[in-house]
Every structure is written in structure tokens, then in C-alpha cells.
Amino acid sequence: MAETRTGERRAGSDILQRVRVDLIQGRLEVVGADVDDAHVDARYVGAGIGESSDPFMDGALDLVRDGGELHIRAPRGGWRDAIGMRGRGRRVALDVRLVVPRDASLGIDVVGVHVRIAGCRGGQVVRTVTGSVAITDASGAVDVRTVSGDVHITGTRLAPRVATTSGGMTITGDTLTGLRATTVSGDLLVTGRLDADGEHAAESISGDLRLRASSGISLQVRTTSGRARAGATVRRVTDEGATRLVVGDGRASMRFRSVSGGASLEVLDGGPPDVVGRNVQPSDGGTGRPAGSPKAVVELAPDPLLASLEALARGEITVDEADRWLEARHG
């Protein structure tokens, strides 16, 4: 029969500025709240756990506080012995729940862990090999890299950077101030208003992009064998081998590059009149190009990352090598 053992810790009394978490297998939940310190609730679930009811006392987790930084980690290699699993070849799953100051920055590095983050407004960096990532009620910079897990991000003013090998991506924001998404085969769904002053781009080998806009935007699509699909109120313009899909005034711009993936652009229901109106007269003279923009689409420089993803799709490199390339690209 499976058992559940739990232990609780309060990290300290100093105001936290940064939280780091390193885990292997299980679940992680982080909740941002109007607090100055952190509360940690840890538990593990599995057969033959051992006699202690506290993962911290068992040595399954370390909690280190250094001034304004908190580090929670599962010791690699030795933690199974610490919880009575010596010689049995089994591993228990760790479930960790944190309540942290909502403005603290997060650095999460996990393997085989499903991650949920809610209400955090500081910078968020998540690295996972397998396991889904769900981030809600976020704002500011959100940086996620995973090999096979799906990624879901929602918030207000977001600047997301997401990279996956096969996981799908869903990004929803009231305003996206800067979007960067890279994938081999995962599909990408983006919903919201793209800031005209931000840089927005997505790349894939075979993954599709679906963009649901609530403001004027010009989507440049370059794909070898994929298709560019336009919604009912979207204008289509072709310039020197690239297709642009334009909504409203087309002030914001986004680039999508793919080998076989397609792209679609549609207008959200209930958007502003200058976006959803069928009889809007654009300020581009009817060309579908934002006013003041150059006549031709600027040719994009060759992208080393896209070349590496193509190599993965052809079987010339391994997933681990592709993961290292993603890490190098996203720093």
C-alpha cells in the first residue's frame, strides 16, 4: 500500500528575494503571496518509505537559507538511501508546496517533475527534462525550457521565452511585451495583445503556430512546406517569398519560421473595432503593410538553432544534444 509522509518548514524571517528549487521526480507547486518569508510543505509518496515522517529529517530534501536566497534541493545520488530505499532499486516521488513572496524571483531545475506556479510576479526560470509546466497569474519575464513536457502560461504583462523539443505550448496574456518560442514538433497557441514595441518570434521544425490576436498585428510566415491560414478579417500579403497575415493597423509584428509547420492568424471575438471591423480602411494604402514600413520583407539571417533542430528531425543528433543547443540559445 502506498504511504504519504509529510514535513513542514518555515524558511526564515528575512525577506526573500530569490528561491531556487532542484528536484528529481514528483510534483512542485509554488504560490506567490503577500508574505515576507517562505513556507515549505514537503511530502513523499511510495511503498516502503521508511520510519521517519519528515522528508527533511530523512535527508530526502535539503533546505538552505542564505540571506535573501532560499535553496531547496533533493540530493542527487544519495537520497534513496536516506529514506530507507538502500538496495531496493526503487524511488519515491517527492511532492513539494511552497508559499513565497510574490515578487521573489524563481529558479527551478527539475527532472521528472510536474511544475505549477501561481501568482508569482518576479522573474521565473524553469528548466525540466520531463514533466509539464503550468504558470498562471504571472507577469514579467517567464523563461521555460523543457524536452517533452507541455507548457501553459497565462498572465497580464508577459515577456515569455519558451523552448521545447516535443511539448506543446499555450501562452495567453493581456499584453505580451516580447515573445520568443522555439520547438521541434510541439504546437504553439498564442492568445492576446502583442505589444507593438516588443520583439515577437517563433520557430519550429514541424510544429504549428496558431495566433489569436486582440490588437493590430502583422505576422510574417516563412515555411518550406507548411501553410499560412488567414481568418475572415485577416488580410494576406506576399512579399519576396514570405507571406504576411495582417490584422487591423498591423502595428505589432511577429515572425514565424518552420520547415513543415503551418501558421494561422485569427481575430479574437469582442476585440476593438479597429481589429474586428470588416470595413476598416488601413493606413497602409491597401497594401497590407503598416505605414512607414519598407516595401520588401527583410531576409532573415540563417539561424543556427533552426539548423540544429533540423538536424534533430533528420536523426543526425540526439535529444540530449538538442537540449544542450536549446540551453545555449536560451542561456
Protein backbone atom coordinates (compact mmCIF):
# COMPACT_ATOMS: atom_id res chain seq x y z
CA MET A 1 0.00 0.00 0.00
CA ALA A 2 1.24 3.49 -0.81
CA GLU A 3 2.08 5.76 2.07
CA THR A 4 2.22 9.52 2.35
CA ARG A 5 4.63 11.19 4.75
CA THR A 6 4.92 14.91 5.23
CA GLY A 7 7.03 17.56 6.91
CA GLU A 8 6.77 21.34 7.11
CA ARG A 9 9.39 24.08 7.43
CA ARG A 10 9.39 27.83 7.60
CA ALA A 11 12.43 29.10 5.80
CA GLY A 12 13.22 32.11 8.00
CA SER A 13 12.26 35.64 8.86
CA ASP A 14 14.28 37.64 6.31
CA ILE A 15 12.55 38.97 3.21
CA LEU A 16 13.17 36.53 0.37
CA GLN A 17 14.44 37.83 -2.94
CA ARG A 18 15.26 34.57 -4.73
CA VAL A 19 14.06 30.97 -4.46
CA ARG A 20 15.88 28.03 -6.10
CA VAL A 21 14.45 24.52 -6.34
CA ASP A 22 16.19 21.34 -7.58
CA LEU A 23 14.06 18.18 -7.54
CA ILE A 24 14.01 14.70 -9.02
CA GLN A 25 10.63 13.05 -9.67
CA GLY A 26 7.34 14.20 -8.23
CA ARG A 27 5.35 17.43 -8.17
CA LEU A 28 6.19 21.02 -7.33
CA GLU A 29 3.70 23.78 -6.56
CA VAL A 30 4.80 27.36 -5.93
CA VAL A 31 2.30 30.00 -4.79
CA GLY A 32 3.11 33.70 -4.63
CA ALA A 33 1.51 35.55 -1.73
CA ASP A 34 1.79 38.81 0.24
CA VAL A 35 4.31 37.39 2.70
CA ASP A 36 7.93 38.16 3.58
CA ASP A 37 9.17 34.65 4.33
CA ALA A 38 8.56 31.23 2.81
CA HIS A 39 6.60 28.22 3.99
CA VAL A 40 7.62 24.79 2.71
CA ASP A 41 5.40 21.71 2.86
CA ALA A 42 7.15 18.56 1.62
CA ARG A 43 5.91 15.02 1.33
CA TYR A 44 6.80 11.83 -0.43
CA VAL A 45 4.59 9.00 -1.65
CA GLY A 46 5.67 5.43 -2.26
CA ALA A 47 5.84 1.93 -0.86
CA GLY A 48 8.30 1.17 1.93
CA ILE A 49 9.19 4.78 2.62
CA GLY A 50 10.93 4.26 5.94
CA GLU A 51 10.24 5.15 9.53
CA SER A 52 10.52 8.94 9.56
CA SER A 53 7.56 11.12 8.57
CA ASP A 54 9.70 14.13 7.64
CA PRO A 55 11.46 14.25 4.22
CA PHE A 56 13.84 16.90 5.58
CA MET A 57 14.86 14.70 8.53
CA ASP A 58 15.17 11.72 6.19
CA GLY A 59 17.63 13.62 4.03
CA ALA A 60 15.29 13.43 1.05
CA LEU A 61 15.37 17.24 0.87
CA ASP A 62 17.86 19.92 1.86
CA LEU A 63 16.76 23.43 2.75
CA VAL A 64 19.48 26.08 2.74
CA ARG A 65 18.88 29.72 3.60
CA ASP A 66 21.49 32.34 2.78
CA GLY A 67 20.26 35.85 3.49
CA GLY A 68 17.64 36.70 0.90
CA GLU A 69 18.05 33.40 -1.02
CA LEU A 70 16.39 30.07 -0.31
CA HIS A 71 17.59 26.83 -1.94
CA ILE A 72 15.55 23.61 -1.76
CA ARG A 73 17.12 20.55 -3.32
CA ALA A 74 16.94 16.79 -3.50
CA PRO A 75 20.49 15.46 -3.07
CA ARG A 76 21.39 13.60 -6.23
CA GLY A 77 22.55 10.02 -5.82
CA GLY A 78 22.19 9.63 -2.07
CA TRP A 79 18.63 10.47 -1.21
CA ARG A 80 17.20 6.98 -1.74
CA ASP A 81 19.49 5.61 0.99
CA ALA A 82 18.45 8.43 3.30
CA ILE A 83 14.80 7.37 3.20
CA GLY A 84 15.31 3.66 3.61
CA MET A 85 15.46 2.61 -0.04
CA ARG A 86 19.01 1.21 0.05
CA GLY A 87 19.48 -1.73 -2.30
CA ARG A 88 15.82 -1.92 -3.32
CA GLY A 89 16.20 -0.08 -6.60
CA ARG A 90 13.05 1.98 -6.04
CA ARG A 91 12.42 5.69 -5.89
CA VAL A 92 9.63 7.55 -4.18
CA ALA A 93 8.04 10.69 -5.58
CA LEU A 94 8.52 13.97 -3.77
CA ASP A 95 5.70 16.49 -3.58
CA VAL A 96 6.74 19.98 -2.53
CA ARG A 97 4.50 23.01 -1.99
CA LEU A 98 5.98 26.46 -1.44
CA VAL A 99 4.37 29.72 -0.43
CA VAL A 100 6.78 32.54 -1.27
CA PRO A 101 6.74 36.34 -1.62
CA ARG A 102 5.08 37.05 -4.93
CA ASP A 103 7.90 39.36 -6.07
CA ALA A 104 10.69 36.87 -5.35
CA SER A 105 12.50 35.52 -8.40
CA LEU A 106 12.29 31.77 -9.07
CA GLY A 107 14.92 29.40 -10.42
CA ILE A 108 13.61 25.84 -10.89
CA ASP A 109 15.66 22.92 -12.23
CA VAL A 110 13.86 19.56 -12.15
CA VAL A 111 13.77 16.10 -13.72
CA GLY A 112 10.53 14.15 -13.98
CA VAL A 113 8.60 16.77 -12.02
CA HIS A 114 5.26 18.41 -12.87
CA VAL A 115 5.55 22.11 -12.05
CA ARG A 116 2.72 24.50 -11.15
CA ILE A 117 3.35 28.16 -10.34
CA ALA A 118 0.64 30.69 -9.46
CA GLY A 119 0.65 34.36 -8.54
CA CYS A 120 4.40 34.98 -8.85
CA ARG A 121 5.49 38.31 -10.30
CA GLY A 122 9.30 38.15 -10.10
CA GLY A 123 11.43 36.65 -12.84
CA GLN A 124 10.68 32.95 -13.36
CA VAL A 125 13.13 30.48 -14.89
CA VAL A 126 12.10 26.82 -15.22
CA ARG A 127 14.25 24.01 -16.62
CA THR A 128 12.79 20.49 -16.83
CA VAL A 129 13.65 17.34 -18.77
CA THR A 130 10.26 15.63 -18.47
CA GLY A 131 7.16 16.95 -16.79
CA SER A 132 4.59 19.60 -17.59
CA VAL A 133 4.83 23.26 -16.60
CA ALA A 134 1.75 25.37 -15.79
CA ILE A 135 2.25 29.02 -14.83
CA THR A 136 -0.79 31.17 -14.02
CA ASP A 137 -1.41 34.76 -12.89
CA ALA A 138 2.12 35.73 -13.93
CA SER A 139 3.70 38.96 -15.08
CA GLY A 140 7.13 40.00 -16.28
CA ALA A 141 9.83 37.68 -17.58
CA VAL A 142 8.98 33.96 -17.79
CA ASP A 143 11.66 31.63 -19.20
CA VAL A 144 10.81 27.93 -19.63
CA ARG A 145 12.80 25.15 -21.28
CA THR A 146 11.66 21.53 -21.40
CA VAL A 147 12.30 18.47 -23.55
CA SER A 148 8.98 16.61 -23.56
CA GLY A 149 6.55 18.34 -21.20
CA ASP A 150 3.75 20.70 -22.24
CA VAL A 151 3.95 24.35 -21.20
CA HIS A 152 0.98 26.56 -20.27
CA ILE A 153 1.50 30.22 -19.33
CA THR A 154 -1.15 32.83 -18.51
CA GLY A 155 -0.84 36.32 -17.07
CA THR A 156 -1.04 40.06 -17.59
CA ARG A 157 2.06 41.83 -18.98
CA LEU A 158 4.21 38.86 -20.01
CA ALA A 159 7.60 38.51 -21.65
CA PRO A 160 7.73 34.72 -22.25
CA ARG A 161 10.66 32.76 -23.66
CA VAL A 162 9.79 29.09 -24.18
CA ALA A 163 11.75 26.25 -25.75
CA THR A 164 10.64 22.62 -26.12
CA THR A 165 11.59 19.57 -28.11
CA SER A 166 8.21 17.86 -28.38
CA GLY A 167 5.98 19.57 -25.81
CA GLY A 168 3.12 21.82 -26.83
CA MET A 169 2.97 25.47 -25.74
CA THR A 170 -0.01 27.63 -24.78
CA ILE A 171 0.62 31.30 -23.96
CA THR A 172 -2.18 33.68 -23.00
CA GLY A 173 -1.58 37.25 -21.88
CA ASP A 174 -3.44 40.53 -21.65
CA THR A 175 -0.30 42.04 -23.17
CA LEU A 176 2.76 40.21 -24.49
CA THR A 177 5.69 42.62 -24.31
CA GLY A 178 8.08 40.22 -26.02
CA LEU A 179 7.58 36.61 -27.14
CA ARG A 180 10.19 34.04 -28.12
CA ALA A 181 9.18 30.39 -28.72
CA THR A 182 11.25 27.53 -30.16
CA THR A 183 10.21 23.90 -30.69
CA VAL A 184 10.92 20.86 -32.82
CA SER A 185 7.46 19.28 -33.07
CA GLY A 186 5.30 20.96 -30.44
CA ASP A 187 2.41 23.20 -31.46
CA LEU A 188 2.14 26.79 -30.19
CA LEU A 189 -1.07 28.65 -29.32
CA VAL A 190 -0.72 32.37 -28.54
CA THR A 191 -3.67 34.47 -27.40
CA GLY A 192 -3.73 38.16 -26.53
CA ARG A 193 -2.37 41.56 -27.47
CA LEU A 194 1.19 41.75 -28.79
CA ASP A 195 2.96 44.98 -27.83
CA ALA A 196 3.97 46.95 -30.92
CA ASP A 197 7.25 47.93 -29.27
CA GLY A 198 8.26 44.34 -28.45
CA GLU A 199 10.05 41.67 -30.49
CA HIS A 200 8.00 38.54 -31.16
CA ALA A 201 9.20 35.39 -32.94
CA ALA A 202 8.56 31.64 -33.10
CA GLU A 203 10.46 28.79 -34.78
CA SER A 204 9.71 25.11 -35.33
CA ILE A 205 10.55 22.09 -37.42
CA SER A 206 7.05 20.64 -37.72
CA GLY A 207 5.06 22.40 -35.00
CA ASP A 208 2.21 24.72 -35.98
CA LEU A 209 1.53 28.25 -34.75
CA ARG A 210 -1.98 29.49 -34.01
CA LEU A 211 -2.12 33.20 -33.17
CA ARG A 212 -5.35 34.67 -31.77
CA ALA A 213 -4.89 38.44 -31.76
CA SER A 214 -6.76 41.14 -29.87
CA SER A 215 -4.87 44.03 -31.49
CA GLY A 216 -3.42 45.02 -34.85
CA ILE A 217 -0.58 42.75 -35.94
CA SER A 218 1.44 41.67 -38.95
CA LEU A 219 2.54 38.02 -38.89
CA GLN A 220 5.38 37.12 -41.25
CA VAL A 221 5.36 33.42 -42.17
CA ARG A 222 8.27 31.56 -43.76
CA THR A 223 7.74 27.81 -44.08
CA THR A 224 9.07 25.26 -46.56
CA SER A 225 6.00 23.04 -46.85
CA GLY A 226 3.55 24.38 -44.26
CA ARG A 227 0.57 26.62 -44.94
CA ALA A 228 -0.38 30.11 -43.82
CA ARG A 229 -4.08 30.35 -42.93
CA ALA A 230 -5.95 33.62 -42.53
CA GLY A 231 -9.15 34.24 -40.59
CA ALA A 232 -12.18 36.03 -42.02
CA THR A 233 -10.94 39.55 -41.18
CA VAL A 234 -7.27 38.95 -41.91
CA ARG A 235 -5.51 40.32 -44.98
CA ARG A 236 -2.90 38.25 -46.80
CA VAL A 237 0.15 39.85 -48.43
CA THR A 238 3.03 38.12 -50.23
CA ASP A 239 6.45 39.78 -50.37
CA GLU A 240 9.50 38.08 -51.93
CA GLY A 241 8.76 34.54 -50.80
CA ALA A 242 7.26 35.39 -47.42
CA THR A 243 3.58 35.55 -46.56
CA ARG A 244 2.31 38.21 -44.19
CA LEU A 245 -1.03 37.96 -42.45
CA VAL A 246 -2.25 41.35 -41.29
CA VAL A 247 -4.92 42.35 -38.78
CA GLY A 248 -6.08 45.93 -38.32
CA ASP A 249 -3.30 48.52 -38.45
CA GLY A 250 -0.60 45.82 -38.31
CA ARG A 251 1.46 47.85 -35.83
CA ALA A 252 2.81 44.89 -33.88
CA SER A 253 4.90 42.39 -35.81
CA MET A 254 5.80 38.73 -35.32
CA ARG A 255 7.96 36.29 -37.31
CA PHE A 256 7.31 32.58 -37.69
CA ARG A 257 9.80 30.21 -39.35
CA SER A 258 9.31 26.49 -39.88
CA VAL A 259 10.22 23.58 -42.11
CA SER A 260 6.82 21.87 -42.33
CA GLY A 261 4.76 23.63 -39.67
CA GLY A 262 1.93 25.96 -40.62
CA ALA A 263 0.64 29.20 -39.14
CA SER A 264 -2.81 30.71 -38.71
CA LEU A 265 -3.95 34.14 -37.59
CA GLU A 266 -7.41 34.97 -36.35
CA VAL A 267 -9.13 37.80 -34.50
CA LEU A 268 -10.50 37.32 -31.02
CA ASP A 269 -14.23 37.85 -30.62
CA GLY A 270 -15.00 41.11 -28.88
CA GLY A 271 -11.75 42.76 -29.93
CA PRO A 272 -11.53 46.52 -30.54
CA PRO A 273 -13.33 47.91 -33.62
CA ASP A 274 -10.07 48.64 -35.46
CA VAL A 275 -9.28 44.94 -35.32
CA VAL A 276 -12.56 43.13 -35.91
CA GLY A 277 -14.27 45.62 -38.21
CA ARG A 278 -14.61 44.29 -41.75
CA ASN A 279 -14.74 47.77 -43.34
CA VAL A 280 -11.69 49.28 -41.69
CA GLN A 281 -9.52 51.30 -44.04
CA PRO A 282 -5.90 50.58 -43.13
CA SER A 283 -3.30 53.32 -43.07
CA ASP A 284 -1.12 51.33 -45.47
CA GLY A 285 -2.81 52.35 -48.70
CA GLY A 286 -4.41 48.93 -49.06
CA THR A 287 -1.14 47.02 -49.38
CA GLY A 288 -1.48 45.23 -46.06
CA ARG A 289 1.82 46.78 -44.96
CA PRO A 290 1.96 49.04 -41.88
CA ALA A 291 2.52 52.69 -42.70
CA GLY A 292 6.18 53.64 -42.94
CA SER A 293 7.41 50.06 -43.31
CA PRO A 294 9.85 49.08 -46.09
CA LYS A 295 8.41 47.65 -49.30
CA ALA A 296 10.21 44.34 -49.13
CA VAL A 297 10.38 41.89 -46.25
CA VAL A 298 13.91 41.83 -44.86
CA GLU A 299 15.53 38.42 -45.39
CA LEU A 300 16.25 36.78 -42.05
CA ALA A 301 19.82 35.71 -41.34
CA PRO A 302 20.44 31.94 -41.12
CA ASP A 303 19.54 30.69 -37.66
CA PRO A 304 21.96 28.20 -36.04
CA LEU A 305 19.21 26.94 -33.71
CA LEU A 306 16.86 26.17 -36.58
CA ALA A 307 19.67 24.29 -38.28
CA SER A 308 20.25 22.23 -35.14
CA LEU A 309 16.56 21.39 -34.86
CA GLU A 310 16.53 20.30 -38.48
CA ALA A 311 19.47 18.01 -37.66
CA LEU A 312 17.44 16.51 -34.80
CA ALA A 313 14.49 15.92 -37.11
CA ARG A 314 16.79 14.12 -39.57
CA GLY A 315 18.22 11.95 -36.76
CA GLU A 316 21.71 13.40 -37.04
CA ILE A 317 21.85 14.45 -33.39
CA THR A 318 20.27 13.12 -30.20
CA VAL A 319 17.62 14.70 -27.97
CA ASP A 320 20.31 15.38 -25.35
CA GLU A 321 22.37 17.24 -27.92
CA ALA A 322 19.31 19.21 -29.00
CA ASP A 323 18.60 20.02 -25.35
CA ARG A 324 22.12 21.38 -24.95
CA TRP A 325 21.59 23.55 -28.02
CA LEU A 326 18.36 24.90 -26.55
CA GLU A 327 20.20 25.68 -23.32
CA ALA A 328 22.91 27.52 -25.20
CA ARG A 329 20.32 29.51 -27.15
CA HIS A 330 18.26 30.50 -24.11
CA GLY A 331 21.21 30.97 -21.76
